[in-house]
Amino acid sequence: MINIDSILRDKGLSKTDVAKRMNLSRESLYRILSGNPTLDNLNKLANALDVPVSYLFGEPGNDFFQCPYCGKDIEVSLTKKE
């Protein structure tokens, strides 16, 4: 599960602000946060928050996380689109 509340507090943003940055409705953002987001949605969320993807999982500075299904380490990199 993705918990962005501490990032939002640090940046002074609301989930509505982030949804607007992602060109989504607030409801769509909530579905991403409570469901099984795609890597593309994770990258978009990280870009909207201006943080590495790993921050979404509470592991600042770590670009790897473990797949909850198979246990493999997965590298996630943030590519910011201009």
PDB file of N, CA and C in Angstrom:
ATOM      1  N   MET A   1       0.829  -1.177   0.000  1.00  0.00           N
ATOM      2  CA  MET A   1       0.000   0.000   0.000  1.00  0.00           C
ATOM      3  C   MET A   1       0.880   1.249   0.000  1.00  0.00           C
ATOM      4  N   ILE A   2       0.483   2.213  -0.751  1.00  0.00           N
ATOM      5  CA  ILE A   2       1.231   3.450  -0.859  1.00  0.00           C
ATOM      6  C   ILE A   2       0.684   4.447   0.152  1.00  0.00           C
ATOM      7  N   ASN A   3       1.579   4.989   0.950  1.00  0.00           N
ATOM      8  CA  ASN A   3       1.183   5.992   1.926  1.00  0.00           C
ATOM      9  C   ASN A   3       1.938   7.276   1.622  1.00  0.00           C
ATOM     10  N   ILE A   4       1.226   8.273   1.126  1.00  0.00           N
ATOM     11  CA  ILE A   4       1.882   9.521   0.751  1.00  0.00           C
ATOM     12  C   ILE A   4       1.583  10.653   1.726  1.00  0.00           C
ATOM     13  N   ASP A   5       0.907  10.344   2.826  1.00  0.00           N
ATOM     14  CA  ASP A   5       0.499  11.394   3.754  1.00  0.00           C
ATOM     15  C   ASP A   5       1.672  12.208   4.289  1.00  0.00           C
ATOM     16  N   SER A   6       2.771  11.549   4.653  1.00  0.00           N
ATOM     17  CA  SER A   6       3.909  12.299   5.193  1.00  0.00           C
ATOM     18  C   SER A   6       4.563  13.161   4.108  1.00  0.00           C
ATOM     19  N   ILE A   7       4.590  12.670   2.879  1.00  0.00           N
ATOM     20  CA  ILE A   7       5.141  13.465   1.776  1.00  0.00           C
ATOM     21  C   ILE A   7       4.266  14.689   1.538  1.00  0.00           C
ATOM     22  N   LEU A   8       2.947  14.489   1.565  1.00  0.00           N
ATOM     23  CA  LEU A   8       2.020  15.606   1.377  1.00  0.00           C
ATOM     24  C   LEU A   8       2.200  16.657   2.469  1.00  0.00           C
ATOM     25  N   ARG A   9       2.341  16.208   3.714  1.00  0.00           N
ATOM     26  CA  ARG A   9       2.554  17.152   4.819  1.00  0.00           C
ATOM     27  C   ARG A   9       3.840  17.940   4.615  1.00  0.00           C
ATOM     28  N   ASP A  10       4.919  17.239   4.264  1.00  0.00           N
ATOM     29  CA  ASP A  10       6.220  17.898   4.068  1.00  0.00           C
ATOM     30  C   ASP A  10       6.169  18.934   2.956  1.00  0.00           C
ATOM     31  N   LYS A  11       5.380  18.658   1.927  1.00  0.00           N
ATOM     32  CA  LYS A  11       5.319  19.544   0.775  1.00  0.00           C
ATOM     33  C   LYS A  11       4.149  20.518   0.818  1.00  0.00           C
ATOM     34  N   GLY A  12       3.298  20.383   1.830  1.00  0.00           N
ATOM     35  CA  GLY A  12       2.154  21.277   1.955  1.00  0.00           C
ATOM     36  C   GLY A  12       1.122  21.096   0.857  1.00  0.00           C
ATOM     37  N   LEU A  13       0.942  19.852   0.428  1.00  0.00           N
ATOM     38  CA  LEU A  13       0.010  19.538  -0.652  1.00  0.00           C
ATOM     39  C   LEU A  13      -1.149  18.700  -0.130  1.00  0.00           C
ATOM     40  N   SER A  14      -2.235  18.711  -0.882  1.00  0.00           N
ATOM     41  CA  SER A  14      -3.362  17.818  -0.602  1.00  0.00           C
ATOM     42  C   SER A  14      -3.420  16.759  -1.701  1.00  0.00           C
ATOM     43  N   LYS A  15      -4.198  15.722  -1.475  1.00  0.00           N
ATOM     44  CA  LYS A  15      -4.369  14.700  -2.512  1.00  0.00           C
ATOM     45  C   LYS A  15      -5.056  15.291  -3.734  1.00  0.00           C
ATOM     46  N   THR A  16      -5.903  16.276  -3.522  1.00  0.00           N
ATOM     47  CA  THR A  16      -6.544  16.959  -4.652  1.00  0.00           C
ATOM     48  C   THR A  16      -5.494  17.682  -5.493  1.00  0.00           C
ATOM     49  N   ASP A  17      -4.525  18.327  -4.833  1.00  0.00           N
ATOM     50  CA  ASP A  17      -3.436  18.996  -5.558  1.00  0.00           C
ATOM     51  C   ASP A  17      -2.664  18.009  -6.422  1.00  0.00           C
ATOM     52  N   VAL A  18      -2.357  16.854  -5.842  1.00  0.00           N
ATOM     53  CA  VAL A  18      -1.591  15.837  -6.560  1.00  0.00           C
ATOM     54  C   VAL A  18      -2.398  15.292  -7.731  1.00  0.00           C
ATOM     55  N   ALA A  19      -3.680  15.052  -7.519  1.00  0.00           N
ATOM     56  CA  ALA A  19      -4.543  14.559  -8.602  1.00  0.00           C
ATOM     57  C   ALA A  19      -4.534  15.553  -9.765  1.00  0.00           C
ATOM     58  N   LYS A  20      -4.617  16.849  -9.459  1.00  0.00           N
ATOM     59  CA  LYS A  20      -4.580  17.861 -10.516  1.00  0.00           C
ATOM     60  C   LYS A  20      -3.253  17.830 -11.263  1.00  0.00           C
ATOM     61  N   ARG A  21      -2.151  17.669 -10.520  1.00  0.00           N
ATOM     62  CA  ARG A  21      -0.835  17.595 -11.158  1.00  0.00           C
ATOM     63  C   ARG A  21      -0.726  16.389 -12.085  1.00  0.00           C
ATOM     64  N   MET A  22      -1.472  15.344 -11.773  1.00  0.00           N
ATOM     65  CA  MET A  22      -1.452  14.122 -12.579  1.00  0.00           C
ATOM     66  C   MET A  22      -2.535  14.123 -13.651  1.00  0.00           C
ATOM     67  N   ASN A  23      -3.327  15.199 -13.712  1.00  0.00           N
ATOM     68  CA  ASN A  23      -4.454  15.279 -14.643  1.00  0.00           C
ATOM     69  C   ASN A  23      -5.453  14.144 -14.426  1.00  0.00           C
ATOM     70  N   LEU A  24      -5.735  13.880 -13.153  1.00  0.00           N
ATOM     71  CA  LEU A  24      -6.686  12.836 -12.769  1.00  0.00           C
ATOM     72  C   LEU A  24      -7.754  13.440 -11.872  1.00  0.00           C
ATOM     73  N   SER A  25      -8.849  12.730 -11.745  1.00  0.00           N
ATOM     74  CA  SER A  25      -9.830  13.107 -10.733  1.00  0.00           C
ATOM     75  C   SER A  25      -9.305  12.627  -9.381  1.00  0.00           C
ATOM     76  N   ARG A  26      -9.823  13.206  -8.330  1.00  0.00           N
ATOM     77  CA  ARG A  26      -9.405  12.786  -6.991  1.00  0.00           C
ATOM     78  C   ARG A  26      -9.750  11.310  -6.771  1.00  0.00           C
ATOM     79  N   GLU A  27     -10.884  10.886  -7.287  1.00  0.00           N
ATOM     80  CA  GLU A  27     -11.309   9.497  -7.140  1.00  0.00           C
ATOM     81  C   GLU A  27     -10.330   8.544  -7.825  1.00  0.00           C
ATOM     82  N   SER A  28      -9.832   8.929  -9.003  1.00  0.00           N
ATOM     83  CA  SER A  28      -8.855   8.088  -9.709  1.00  0.00           C
ATOM     84  C   SER A  28      -7.570   7.962  -8.905  1.00  0.00           C
ATOM     85  N   LEU A  29      -7.140   9.067  -8.304  1.00  0.00           N
ATOM     86  CA  LEU A  29      -5.939   9.013  -7.470  1.00  0.00           C
ATOM     87  C   LEU A  29      -6.161   8.079  -6.285  1.00  0.00           C
ATOM     88  N   TYR A  30      -7.323   8.148  -5.650  1.00  0.00           N
ATOM     89  CA  TYR A  30      -7.608   7.264  -4.520  1.00  0.00           C
ATOM     90  C   TYR A  30      -7.583   5.795  -4.945  1.00  0.00           C
ATOM     91  N   ARG A  31      -8.070   5.500  -6.147  1.00  0.00           N
ATOM     92  CA  ARG A  31      -8.016   4.115  -6.643  1.00  0.00           C
ATOM     93  C   ARG A  31      -6.569   3.663  -6.822  1.00  0.00           C
ATOM     94  N   ILE A  32      -5.723   4.559  -7.329  1.00  0.00           N
ATOM     95  CA  ILE A  32      -4.305   4.220  -7.501  1.00  0.00           C
ATOM     96  C   ILE A  32      -3.670   3.947  -6.140  1.00  0.00           C
ATOM     97  N   LEU A  33      -3.971   4.802  -5.172  1.00  0.00           N
ATOM     98  CA  LEU A  33      -3.354   4.676  -3.853  1.00  0.00           C
ATOM     99  C   LEU A  33      -3.833   3.450  -3.085  1.00  0.00           C
ATOM    100  N   SER A  34      -5.050   3.011  -3.326  1.00  0.00           N
ATOM    101  CA  SER A  34      -5.580   1.884  -2.562  1.00  0.00           C
ATOM    102  C   SER A  34      -5.550   0.568  -3.330  1.00  0.00           C
ATOM    103  N   GLY A  35      -5.177   0.624  -4.594  1.00  0.00           N
ATOM    104  CA  GLY A  35      -5.185  -0.588  -5.404  1.00  0.00           C
ATOM    105  C   GLY A  35      -3.800  -1.108  -5.705  1.00  0.00           C
ATOM    106  N   ASN A  36      -3.652  -1.667  -6.864  1.00  0.00           N
ATOM    107  CA  ASN A  36      -2.397  -2.238  -7.328  1.00  0.00           C
ATOM    108  C   ASN A  36      -1.916  -1.386  -8.500  1.00  0.00           C
ATOM    109  N   PRO A  37      -1.200  -0.279  -8.244  1.00  0.00           N
ATOM    110  CA  PRO A  37      -0.847   0.653  -9.307  1.00  0.00           C
ATOM    111  C   PRO A  37       0.174   0.078 -10.277  1.00  0.00           C
ATOM    112  N   THR A  38       0.093   0.538 -11.504  1.00  0.00           N
ATOM    113  CA  THR A  38       1.073   0.155 -12.516  1.00  0.00           C
ATOM    114  C   THR A  38       2.356   0.945 -12.270  1.00  0.00           C
ATOM    115  N   LEU A  39       3.438   0.495 -12.857  1.00  0.00           N
ATOM    116  CA  LEU A  39       4.710   1.214 -12.754  1.00  0.00           C
ATOM    117  C   LEU A  39       4.569   2.608 -13.358  1.00  0.00           C
ATOM    118  N   ASP A  40       3.804   2.711 -14.431  1.00  0.00           N
ATOM    119  CA  ASP A  40       3.567   4.010 -15.053  1.00  0.00           C
ATOM    120  C   ASP A  40       2.874   4.961 -14.074  1.00  0.00           C
ATOM    121  N   ASN A  41       1.853   4.469 -13.367  1.00  0.00           N
ATOM    122  CA  ASN A  41       1.159   5.305 -12.380  1.00  0.00           C
ATOM    123  C   ASN A  41       2.062   5.664 -11.207  1.00  0.00           C
ATOM    124  N   LEU A  42       2.934   4.747 -10.802  1.00  0.00           N
ATOM    125  CA  LEU A  42       3.884   5.062  -9.738  1.00  0.00           C
ATOM    126  C   LEU A  42       4.831   6.177 -10.167  1.00  0.00           C
ATOM    127  N   ASN A  43       5.311   6.092 -11.406  1.00  0.00           N
ATOM    128  CA  ASN A  43       6.193   7.144 -11.926  1.00  0.00           C
ATOM    129  C   ASN A  43       5.469   8.480 -12.005  1.00  0.00           C
ATOM    130  N   LYS A  44       4.225   8.465 -12.466  1.00  0.00           N
ATOM    131  CA  LYS A  44       3.446   9.707 -12.555  1.00  0.00           C
ATOM    132  C   LYS A  44       3.213  10.305 -11.176  1.00  0.00           C
ATOM    133  N   LEU A  45       2.916   9.458 -10.202  1.00  0.00           N
ATOM    134  CA  LEU A  45       2.695   9.923  -8.846  1.00  0.00           C
ATOM    135  C   LEU A  45       3.977  10.513  -8.266  1.00  0.00           C
ATOM    136  N   ALA A  46       5.089   9.820  -8.455  1.00  0.00           N
ATOM    137  CA  ALA A  46       6.370  10.323  -7.959  1.00  0.00           C
ATOM    138  C   ALA A  46       6.726  11.648  -8.629  1.00  0.00           C
ATOM    139  N   ASN A  47       6.487  11.751  -9.923  1.00  0.00           N
ATOM    140  CA  ASN A  47       6.745  13.013 -10.632  1.00  0.00           C
ATOM    141  C   ASN A  47       5.878  14.134 -10.081  1.00  0.00           C
ATOM    142  N   ALA A  48       4.619  13.844  -9.821  1.00  0.00           N
ATOM    143  CA  ALA A  48       3.702  14.864  -9.298  1.00  0.00           C
ATOM    144  C   ALA A  48       4.135  15.338  -7.912  1.00  0.00           C
ATOM    145  N   LEU A  49       4.746  14.448  -7.150  1.00  0.00           N
ATOM    146  CA  LEU A  49       5.213  14.785  -5.807  1.00  0.00           C
ATOM    147  C   LEU A  49       6.662  15.270  -5.803  1.00  0.00           C
ATOM    148  N   ASP A  50       7.338  15.131  -6.941  1.00  0.00           N
ATOM    149  CA  ASP A  50       8.746  15.500  -7.085  1.00  0.00           C
ATOM    150  C   ASP A  50       9.628  14.739  -6.087  1.00  0.00           C
ATOM    151  N   VAL A  51       9.411  13.417  -6.045  1.00  0.00           N
ATOM    152  CA  VAL A  51      10.201  12.528  -5.186  1.00  0.00           C
ATOM    153  C   VAL A  51      10.553  11.272  -5.983  1.00  0.00           C
ATOM    154  N   PRO A  52      11.592  10.542  -5.562  1.00  0.00           N
ATOM    155  CA  PRO A  52      11.867   9.242  -6.169  1.00  0.00           C
ATOM    156  C   PRO A  52      10.738   8.258  -5.856  1.00  0.00           C
ATOM    157  N   VAL A  53      10.536   7.302  -6.719  1.00  0.00           N
ATOM    158  CA  VAL A  53       9.482   6.303  -6.525  1.00  0.00           C
ATOM    159  C   VAL A  53       9.630   5.598  -5.181  1.00  0.00           C
ATOM    160  N   SER A  54      10.861   5.365  -4.766  1.00  0.00           N
ATOM    161  CA  SER A  54      11.083   4.643  -3.509  1.00  0.00           C
ATOM    162  C   SER A  54      10.474   5.370  -2.316  1.00  0.00           C
ATOM    163  N   TYR A  55      10.342   6.699  -2.368  1.00  0.00           N
ATOM    164  CA  TYR A  55       9.728   7.446  -1.266  1.00  0.00           C
ATOM    165  C   TYR A  55       8.267   7.052  -1.080  1.00  0.00           C
ATOM    166  N   LEU A  56       7.613   6.601  -2.132  1.00  0.00           N
ATOM    167  CA  LEU A  56       6.216   6.200  -2.035  1.00  0.00           C
ATOM    168  C   LEU A  56       6.045   4.975  -1.150  1.00  0.00           C
ATOM    169  N   PHE A  57       7.139   4.242  -0.961  1.00  0.00           N
ATOM    170  CA  PHE A  57       7.100   3.023  -0.169  1.00  0.00           C
ATOM    171  C   PHE A  57       7.832   3.187   1.155  1.00  0.00           C
ATOM    172  N   GLY A  58       8.139   4.434   1.512  1.00  0.00           N
ATOM    173  CA  GLY A  58       8.756   4.705   2.800  1.00  0.00           C
ATOM    174  C   GLY A  58      10.207   4.323   2.889  1.00  0.00           C
ATOM    175  N   GLU A  59      10.888   4.229   1.749  1.00  0.00           N
ATOM    176  CA  GLU A  59      12.291   3.846   1.743  1.00  0.00           C
ATOM    177  C   GLU A  59      13.106   4.890   0.992  1.00  0.00           C
ATOM    178  N   PRO A  60      13.255   6.087   1.543  1.00  0.00           N
ATOM    179  CA  PRO A  60      14.010   7.126   0.847  1.00  0.00           C
ATOM    180  C   PRO A  60      15.410   6.664   0.468  1.00  0.00           C
ATOM    181  N   GLY A  61      15.776   6.952  -0.770  1.00  0.00           N
ATOM    182  CA  GLY A  61      17.115   6.624  -1.239  1.00  0.00           C
ATOM    183  C   GLY A  61      17.285   5.203  -1.732  1.00  0.00           C
ATOM    184  N   ASN A  62      16.286   4.373  -1.586  1.00  0.00           N
ATOM    185  CA  ASN A  62      16.380   2.998  -2.031  1.00  0.00           C
ATOM    186  C   ASN A  62      15.537   2.843  -3.285  1.00  0.00           C
ATOM    187  N   ASP A  63      16.159   2.451  -4.387  1.00  0.00           N
ATOM    188  CA  ASP A  63      15.433   2.293  -5.640  1.00  0.00           C
ATOM    189  C   ASP A  63      14.994   0.852  -5.876  1.00  0.00           C
ATOM    190  N   PHE A  64      14.986   0.053  -4.826  1.00  0.00           N
ATOM    191  CA  PHE A  64      14.537  -1.327  -4.920  1.00  0.00           C
ATOM    192  C   PHE A  64      13.415  -1.560  -3.916  1.00  0.00           C
ATOM    193  N   PHE A  65      12.467  -2.353  -4.304  1.00  0.00           N
ATOM    194  CA  PHE A  65      11.489  -2.835  -3.342  1.00  0.00           C
ATOM    195  C   PHE A  65      11.175  -4.278  -3.689  1.00  0.00           C
ATOM    196  N   GLN A  66      10.612  -4.981  -2.757  1.00  0.00           N
ATOM    197  CA  GLN A  66      10.359  -6.399  -2.935  1.00  0.00           C
ATOM    198  C   GLN A  66       8.939  -6.631  -3.406  1.00  0.00           C
ATOM    199  N   CYS A  67       8.786  -7.418  -4.452  1.00  0.00           N
ATOM    200  CA  CYS A  67       7.469  -7.771  -4.967  1.00  0.00           C
ATOM    201  C   CYS A  67       6.721  -8.556  -3.888  1.00  0.00           C
ATOM    202  N   PRO A  68       5.506  -8.111  -3.532  1.00  0.00           N
ATOM    203  CA  PRO A  68       4.770  -8.824  -2.486  1.00  0.00           C
ATOM    204  C   PRO A  68       4.264 -10.194  -2.926  1.00  0.00           C
ATOM    205  N   TYR A  69       4.321 -10.475  -4.218  1.00  0.00           N
ATOM    206  CA  TYR A  69       3.805 -11.744  -4.730  1.00  0.00           C
ATOM    207  C   TYR A  69       4.880 -12.806  -4.889  1.00  0.00           C
ATOM    208  N   CYS A  70       6.030 -12.415  -5.484  1.00  0.00           N
ATOM    209  CA  CYS A  70       7.066 -13.407  -5.747  1.00  0.00           C
ATOM    210  C   CYS A  70       8.307 -13.228  -4.885  1.00  0.00           C
ATOM    211  N   GLY A  71       8.437 -12.080  -4.212  1.00  0.00           N
ATOM    212  CA  GLY A  71       9.580 -11.844  -3.340  1.00  0.00           C
ATOM    213  C   GLY A  71      10.827 -11.326  -4.038  1.00  0.00           C
ATOM    214  N   LYS A  72      10.769 -11.166  -5.362  1.00  0.00           N
ATOM    215  CA  LYS A  72      11.925 -10.662  -6.099  1.00  0.00           C
ATOM    216  C   LYS A  72      12.141  -9.177  -5.812  1.00  0.00           C
ATOM    217  N   ASP A  73      13.422  -8.769  -5.813  1.00  0.00           N
ATOM    218  CA  ASP A  73      13.732  -7.349  -5.733  1.00  0.00           C
ATOM    219  C   ASP A  73      13.470  -6.714  -7.087  1.00  0.00           C
ATOM    220  N   ILE A  74      12.808  -5.568  -7.076  1.00  0.00           N
ATOM    221  CA  ILE A  74      12.477  -4.853  -8.299  1.00  0.00           C
ATOM    222  C   ILE A  74      13.111  -3.476  -8.211  1.00  0.00           C
ATOM    223  N   GLU A  75      13.876  -3.129  -9.244  1.00  0.00           N
ATOM    224  CA  GLU A  75      14.476  -1.792  -9.280  1.00  0.00           C
ATOM    225  C   GLU A  75      13.494  -0.834  -9.930  1.00  0.00           C
ATOM    226  N   VAL A  76      13.318   0.306  -9.297  1.00  0.00           N
ATOM    227  CA  VAL A  76      12.419   1.317  -9.799  1.00  0.00           C
ATOM    228  C   VAL A  76      13.229   2.584  -9.992  1.00  0.00           C
ATOM    229  N   SER A  77      13.155   3.143 -11.180  1.00  0.00           N
ATOM    230  CA  SER A  77      13.875   4.397 -11.397  1.00  0.00           C
ATOM    231  C   SER A  77      12.888   5.467 -11.812  1.00  0.00           C
ATOM    232  N   LEU A  78      13.195   6.671 -11.397  1.00  0.00           N
ATOM    233  CA  LEU A  78      12.345   7.812 -11.695  1.00  0.00           C
ATOM    234  C   LEU A  78      12.898   8.505 -12.925  1.00  0.00           C
ATOM    235  N   THR A  79      12.072   8.597 -13.934  1.00  0.00           N
ATOM    236  CA  THR A  79      12.448   9.368 -15.121  1.00  0.00           C
ATOM    237  C   THR A  79      11.460  10.484 -15.241  1.00  0.00           C
ATOM    238  N   LYS A  80      11.960  11.677 -15.046  1.00  0.00           N
ATOM    239  CA  LYS A  80      11.098  12.844 -15.064  1.00  0.00           C
ATOM    240  C   LYS A  80      10.897  13.285 -16.498  1.00  0.00           C
ATOM    241  N   LYS A  81       9.641  13.405 -16.880  1.00  0.00           N
ATOM    242  CA  LYS A  81       9.310  13.848 -18.231  1.00  0.00           C
ATOM    243  C   LYS A  81       9.143  15.347 -18.235  1.00  0.00           C
ATOM    244  N   GLU A  82       9.754  15.979 -19.178  1.00  0.00           N
ATOM    245  CA  GLU A  82       9.669  17.439 -19.305  1.00  0.00           C
ATOM    246  C   GLU A  82       8.484  17.824 -20.138  1.00  0.00           C
TER     247      GLU A  82
END
